[in-house]
Protein backbone atom coordinates (compact mmCIF):
# COMPACT_ATOMS: atom_id res chain seq x y z
CA MET A 1 -11.75 -19.30 -7.43
CA LYS A 2 -8.16 -19.38 -5.70
CA SER A 3 -5.70 -16.02 -4.96
CA SER A 4 -2.23 -15.83 -4.89
CA ASN A 5 -2.97 -12.13 -3.12
CA PRO A 6 -2.50 -12.26 0.34
CA VAL A 7 -4.37 -9.66 1.02
CA LEU A 8 -7.40 -11.76 -0.39
CA LYS A 9 -6.10 -14.48 1.59
CA GLN A 10 -6.46 -12.94 5.04
CA TRP A 11 -10.11 -11.86 3.72
CA ALA A 12 -10.90 -15.12 2.75
CA ARG A 13 -9.38 -16.62 6.65
CA ARG A 14 -11.63 -14.26 8.19
CA ASN A 15 -14.60 -14.92 5.85
CA PRO A 16 -14.82 -18.83 5.42
CA ALA A 17 -16.66 -19.84 2.14
CA PRO A 18 -20.46 -20.89 2.08
CA VAL A 19 -20.83 -24.44 4.25
CA VAL A 20 -22.88 -26.97 1.95
CA THR A 21 -24.96 -29.74 3.45
CA ALA A 22 -27.02 -32.07 1.98
CA VAL A 23 -30.86 -32.15 3.47
CA PRO A 24 -33.24 -35.32 1.91
CA ILE A 25 -36.18 -33.87 -0.20
CA ALA A 26 -39.19 -33.99 1.89
CA GLY A 27 -41.66 -36.34 1.05
CA ARG A 28 -39.92 -38.59 -0.42
CA PRO A 29 -38.91 -41.86 1.65
CA PRO A 30 -35.64 -43.43 0.73
CA ALA A 31 -35.62 -46.10 -1.87
CA GLY A 32 -34.23 -49.62 0.01
CA ASN A 33 -30.41 -48.78 0.90
CA ALA A 34 -29.83 -46.19 -1.41
CA PRO A 35 -28.77 -42.95 -0.34
CA ASP A 36 -31.23 -40.05 0.40
CA ALA A 37 -31.48 -37.49 -2.29
CA PRO A 38 -30.04 -34.29 -1.61
CA VAL A 39 -30.71 -30.56 -2.34
CA LEU A 40 -27.85 -27.47 -1.76
CA SER A 41 -28.90 -25.86 1.09
CA LEU A 42 -26.65 -22.88 3.37
CA ARG A 43 -26.29 -22.07 6.43
CA LYS A 44 -27.08 -19.20 7.87
CA ASP A 45 -23.59 -18.67 9.39
CA ALA A 46 -22.05 -19.05 5.91
CA VAL A 47 -24.01 -16.41 3.94
CA PRO A 48 -22.14 -15.03 0.48
CA GLN A 49 -22.14 -11.82 -0.19
CA THR A 50 -24.57 -10.48 -1.95
CA ALA A 51 -24.55 -7.80 -4.99
CA GLY A 52 -25.16 -4.82 -2.91
CA THR A 53 -22.97 -5.49 -0.14
CA ALA A 54 -19.72 -7.13 -2.93
CA MET A 55 -16.75 -5.02 -3.75
CA THR A 56 -17.41 -4.14 -7.60
CA LEU A 57 -14.61 -1.47 -9.45
CA ASP A 58 -16.54 1.34 -9.51
CA ASP A 59 -16.35 1.32 -5.31
CA VAL A 60 -12.55 0.96 -5.67
CA VAL A 61 -12.34 3.80 -8.55
CA ILE A 62 -14.55 5.66 -5.95
CA ARG A 63 -12.34 5.32 -2.78
CA THR A 64 -9.04 6.18 -4.62
CA ALA A 65 -10.55 9.05 -6.23
CA LEU A 66 -11.31 10.08 -2.82
CA ALA A 67 -8.19 9.50 -1.27
CA LEU A 68 -5.74 10.94 -3.94
CA GLY A 69 -8.26 14.08 -4.08
CA VAL A 70 -7.86 14.80 0.01
CA ALA A 71 -3.60 14.03 -0.99
CA VAL A 72 -3.50 16.40 -3.81
CA LEU A 73 -5.78 18.94 -1.89
CA ALA A 74 -3.09 18.38 1.03
CA ALA A 75 -0.25 19.48 -1.01
CA VAL A 76 -2.02 22.01 -2.72
CA LEU A 77 -2.62 23.92 0.23
CA SER A 78 0.51 23.13 2.23
CA TRP A 79 2.24 24.31 -1.02
CA ALA A 80 0.36 27.80 -0.55
CA LEU A 81 0.37 28.28 2.90
CA LEU A 82 3.92 26.54 4.11
CA PRO A 83 6.19 28.53 1.56
CA VAL A 84 9.68 27.16 1.69
CA ASP A 85 11.82 30.41 1.89
CA SER A 86 14.57 31.93 4.09
CA GLN A 87 12.53 33.21 6.48
CA SER A 88 9.87 30.01 7.41
CA MET A 89 12.14 27.07 6.03
CA GLY A 90 12.81 25.65 9.30
CA ARG A 91 8.96 26.18 10.30
CA SER A 92 7.75 24.25 6.99
CA TYR A 93 10.51 21.51 6.97
CA GLY A 94 9.39 20.97 10.38
CA ILE A 95 5.58 20.50 10.01
CA ALA A 96 6.24 18.44 6.77
CA PHE A 97 8.62 16.00 8.60
CA GLY A 98 6.21 15.91 11.83
CA ALA A 99 3.58 15.19 8.97
CA ALA A 100 5.29 12.74 7.50
CA LEU A 101 5.93 10.54 10.70
CA VAL A 102 2.24 11.14 11.43
CA ALA A 103 1.68 9.39 8.19
CA LEU A 104 3.91 6.69 8.39
CA VAL A 105 2.24 5.93 11.63
CA LEU A 106 -1.20 6.08 10.01
CA ALA A 107 -0.15 4.02 7.85
CA LEU A 108 1.27 1.28 9.93
CA VAL A 109 -2.01 1.48 12.27
CA GLN A 110 -3.97 0.20 8.87
CA SER A 111 -1.79 -2.25 8.04
CA PHE A 112 -1.98 -3.96 11.33
CA LYS A 113 -5.86 -3.41 11.32
CA ARG A 114 -8.14 -6.48 10.54
CA LYS A 115 -10.44 -4.50 8.59
CA PRO A 116 -9.87 -0.89 6.63
CA VAL A 117 -10.87 2.18 8.37
CA PRO A 118 -11.82 5.02 6.11
CA SER A 119 -11.10 7.55 8.60
CA LEU A 120 -7.50 6.22 8.99
CA ILE A 121 -6.91 6.09 5.34
CA LEU A 122 -8.31 9.83 4.38
CA ALA A 123 -6.01 10.85 7.23
CA TYR A 124 -2.83 9.49 6.10
CA ALA A 125 -3.45 10.77 2.84
CA ALA A 126 -4.37 14.04 4.25
CA PHE A 127 -0.77 14.08 6.12
CA GLU A 128 0.82 12.42 3.14
CA GLY A 129 -0.30 15.23 1.09
CA ILE A 130 1.08 17.98 3.71
CA PHE A 131 4.45 16.38 3.69
CA LEU A 132 4.58 16.17 -0.61
CA GLY A 133 3.80 20.03 -0.68
CA VAL A 134 6.51 21.20 0.51
CA ILE A 135 8.98 18.79 -0.26
CA SER A 136 7.37 19.40 -4.13
CA SER A 137 8.14 23.22 -3.30
CA ALA A 138 11.07 22.71 -2.02
CA THR A 139 12.07 20.83 -4.74
CA SER A 140 11.30 23.43 -7.79
CA ASN A 141 12.32 26.58 -5.98
CA TYR A 142 15.86 25.80 -4.80
CA PHE A 143 17.03 22.40 -6.84
CA SER A 144 15.13 21.56 -10.17
CA TYR A 145 12.15 23.87 -11.60
CA GLY A 146 9.13 22.37 -13.23
CA VAL A 147 10.72 19.17 -12.11
CA VAL A 148 7.13 18.78 -10.22
CA VAL A 149 4.99 18.84 -13.55
CA GLN A 150 7.54 15.90 -14.94
CA ALA A 151 7.26 13.67 -11.78
CA VAL A 152 3.55 13.77 -12.04
CA ALA A 153 3.57 13.14 -15.31
CA GLY A 154 6.09 10.50 -14.96
CA THR A 155 3.93 8.87 -12.19
CA MET A 156 0.60 8.89 -14.27
CA ALA A 157 2.42 7.34 -17.47
CA VAL A 158 3.65 4.29 -15.16
CA PHE A 159 -0.04 3.96 -13.94
CA ALA A 160 -1.44 3.94 -17.25
CA GLY A 161 1.61 1.53 -19.13
CA VAL A 162 1.54 -1.07 -15.87
CA LEU A 163 -2.43 -1.04 -16.02
CA ILE A 164 -2.46 -1.67 -19.99
CA ALA A 165 -0.34 -4.28 -19.87
CA TYR A 166 -1.53 -6.19 -16.89
CA LYS A 167 -5.36 -5.69 -18.69
CA LEU A 168 -3.40 -7.12 -21.62
CA ARG A 169 -1.67 -9.77 -19.45
CA TRP A 170 1.74 -8.64 -20.40
CA ILE A 171 2.67 -9.08 -16.96
CA ARG A 172 1.22 -11.90 -14.95
CA VAL A 173 1.14 -12.03 -10.96
CA THR A 174 2.10 -14.98 -9.52
CA ARG A 175 3.14 -16.47 -6.43
CA ARG A 176 7.00 -16.29 -7.67
CA PHE A 177 6.07 -12.72 -9.27
CA TYR A 178 4.98 -11.73 -5.63
CA GLY A 179 8.09 -13.01 -3.43
CA PHE A 180 10.49 -11.27 -6.35
CA VAL A 181 9.21 -8.00 -5.73
CA LEU A 182 9.13 -8.68 -1.75
CA ALA A 183 12.49 -9.57 -1.60
CA ALA A 184 13.32 -7.29 -4.02
CA THR A 185 11.80 -4.24 -1.63
CA VAL A 186 13.35 -5.36 1.43
CA GLY A 187 16.85 -5.34 -0.06
CA PHE A 188 15.79 -2.04 -1.57
CA LEU A 189 14.77 -0.42 1.50
CA ILE A 190 17.78 -2.00 3.66
CA LEU A 191 19.98 0.29 0.82
CA LEU A 192 18.05 3.11 1.69
CA ALA A 193 18.20 2.65 5.46
CA GLY A 194 22.04 2.44 5.13
CA ASN A 195 22.04 5.23 2.42
CA LEU A 196 19.77 7.33 5.15
CA LEU A 197 22.50 6.36 8.09
CA PHE A 198 25.88 6.70 6.08
CA SER A 199 24.38 10.21 5.65
CA LEU A 200 24.40 11.41 9.23
CA PHE A 201 28.34 10.57 9.52
CA ASP A 202 29.58 12.26 6.47
CA ASP A 203 28.79 15.00 3.78
CA GLY A 204 25.35 14.17 3.51
CA ASP A 205 25.80 11.80 0.18
CA GLY A 206 26.00 8.77 2.45
CA LEU A 207 26.42 5.57 0.38
CA GLY A 208 25.99 8.04 -2.84
CA LEU A 209 22.39 6.17 -3.60
CA ARG A 210 20.63 9.69 -3.53
CA SER A 211 23.14 11.64 -6.08
CA GLY A 212 25.12 10.65 -9.53
CA GLY A 213 24.76 8.35 -12.06
CA LEU A 214 24.45 5.95 -9.06
CA GLY A 215 21.63 7.82 -7.61
CA ILE A 216 19.72 7.96 -11.23
CA LEU A 217 20.60 3.94 -11.01
CA PHE A 218 18.83 3.76 -7.66
CA GLY A 219 15.79 5.82 -8.76
CA VAL A 220 15.02 3.92 -11.89
CA ILE A 221 15.10 0.88 -9.85
CA GLY A 222 12.37 2.77 -7.19
CA ILE A 223 10.17 3.37 -9.93
CA ALA A 224 10.62 -0.46 -11.23
CA LEU A 225 9.44 -1.38 -7.92
CA GLY A 226 6.67 0.90 -7.58
CA ALA A 227 5.31 -0.52 -10.77
CA CYS A 228 5.88 -4.19 -9.88
CA PHE A 229 3.47 -3.01 -6.50
CA LEU A 230 1.19 -1.48 -8.90
CA ALA A 231 0.71 -4.50 -10.72
CA LEU A 232 0.20 -6.37 -6.93
CA ASN A 233 -2.47 -3.72 -6.52
CA PHE A 234 -4.51 -4.13 -9.77
CA LYS A 235 -4.20 -7.97 -8.89
CA GLU A 236 -5.91 -7.49 -5.60
CA VAL A 237 -8.82 -5.51 -7.37
CA GLU A 238 -9.11 -8.27 -9.80
CA ASP A 239 -9.56 -11.25 -7.24
CA GLY A 240 -11.15 -9.18 -4.54
CA VAL A 241 -14.39 -8.33 -7.15
CA ALA A 242 -13.91 -12.42 -8.66
CA ASN A 243 -13.96 -13.63 -4.88
CA GLY A 244 -16.86 -11.49 -4.04
CA ALA A 245 -15.10 -9.77 -1.24
CA PRO A 246 -17.23 -6.88 1.19
CA ARG A 247 -17.43 -3.62 -0.30
CA GLU A 248 -15.54 -2.00 2.91
CA GLU A 249 -12.24 -3.97 1.20
CA SER A 250 -12.48 -1.24 -1.75
CA TRP A 251 -10.79 1.29 0.88
CA LEU A 252 -7.94 -1.07 1.49
CA ALA A 253 -7.03 -1.67 -2.19
CA ALA A 254 -7.55 2.32 -2.72
CA PHE A 255 -5.20 2.25 0.33
CA GLY A 256 -2.82 0.26 -1.34
CA LEU A 257 -3.17 2.27 -4.30
CA VAL A 258 -2.16 5.49 -3.14
CA LEU A 259 0.46 4.45 -0.93
CA THR A 260 2.19 2.62 -4.35
CA LEU A 261 1.50 5.59 -6.21
CA VAL A 262 2.76 8.26 -3.31
CA TRP A 263 6.53 6.16 -3.73
CA ILE A 264 6.67 6.34 -7.43
CA TYR A 265 6.13 9.95 -7.31
CA ILE A 266 8.81 10.67 -4.42
CA GLU A 267 11.15 8.59 -6.90
CA MET A 268 10.00 10.64 -10.00
CA LEU A 269 10.94 13.99 -8.33
CA ASN A 270 14.04 12.58 -7.10
CA LEU A 271 14.71 11.16 -10.55
CA PHE A 272 14.29 14.08 -12.86
CA THR A 273 16.04 16.15 -9.72
CA LEU A 274 19.41 14.45 -10.32
CA ILE A 275 18.96 13.98 -13.97
CA GLY A 276 18.85 18.03 -14.20
CA ASP A 277 21.39 18.74 -12.17
CA TRP A 278 24.09 15.44 -13.51
CA ASP A 279 27.22 16.27 -15.34
CA PRO A 280 28.86 13.27 -16.65
């Protein structure tokens, strides 16, 4: 079965399909010029994944739950142990953005690894959780009380909605869909980087992509892109199970899901904060 998923294509290149060879049946001489009757035989260097070593949906669920559990635990601990107040705000923010930088490096290292490394993925989840805990605490205490509950609920709603739509085949992940999502994401990130760059030279508003009505629109677009990446994640899992990917690849699927959910949560947090402060 062919897959349009780039992750599965990369795995297929590292793990070529079994080569079928023809061997004659023992004890049966060829009749005239007729070819030997073949039987199917697999080479020892191209053994397919057995049921005990192939990735299953349960593997993905367990590893995703583990990575998310680490992230949530780190977020709760950082919220409690790194309070964002007048006396410790600088220290808490410094630790949070340091953790975000470490999480980014770990994510990039894992992205360029040939195989998933569980310790890297769990470490990424832990440092990402520290960042999310501090940012969530600051947002809830100083900008919009209760926004964290709204952001968590919104993230769960997007996940459930995309999963249902994917299972009912309302969303079909094709090569064209993948190309569109990739191009839109690159454009989104360029605008985000431009907004950050311009914010360094004015009053902090940059291009206005994180404030007011334009910020709300930009946040909705960011959540929509996150939802599209969820569909790509589901396709990756589906193709991996169907193609008999090795069990270790379930860690890669879990890594992708956690990355996407963190993205959606951050966009939700910003969106609900802007909606609460917006005065049209």
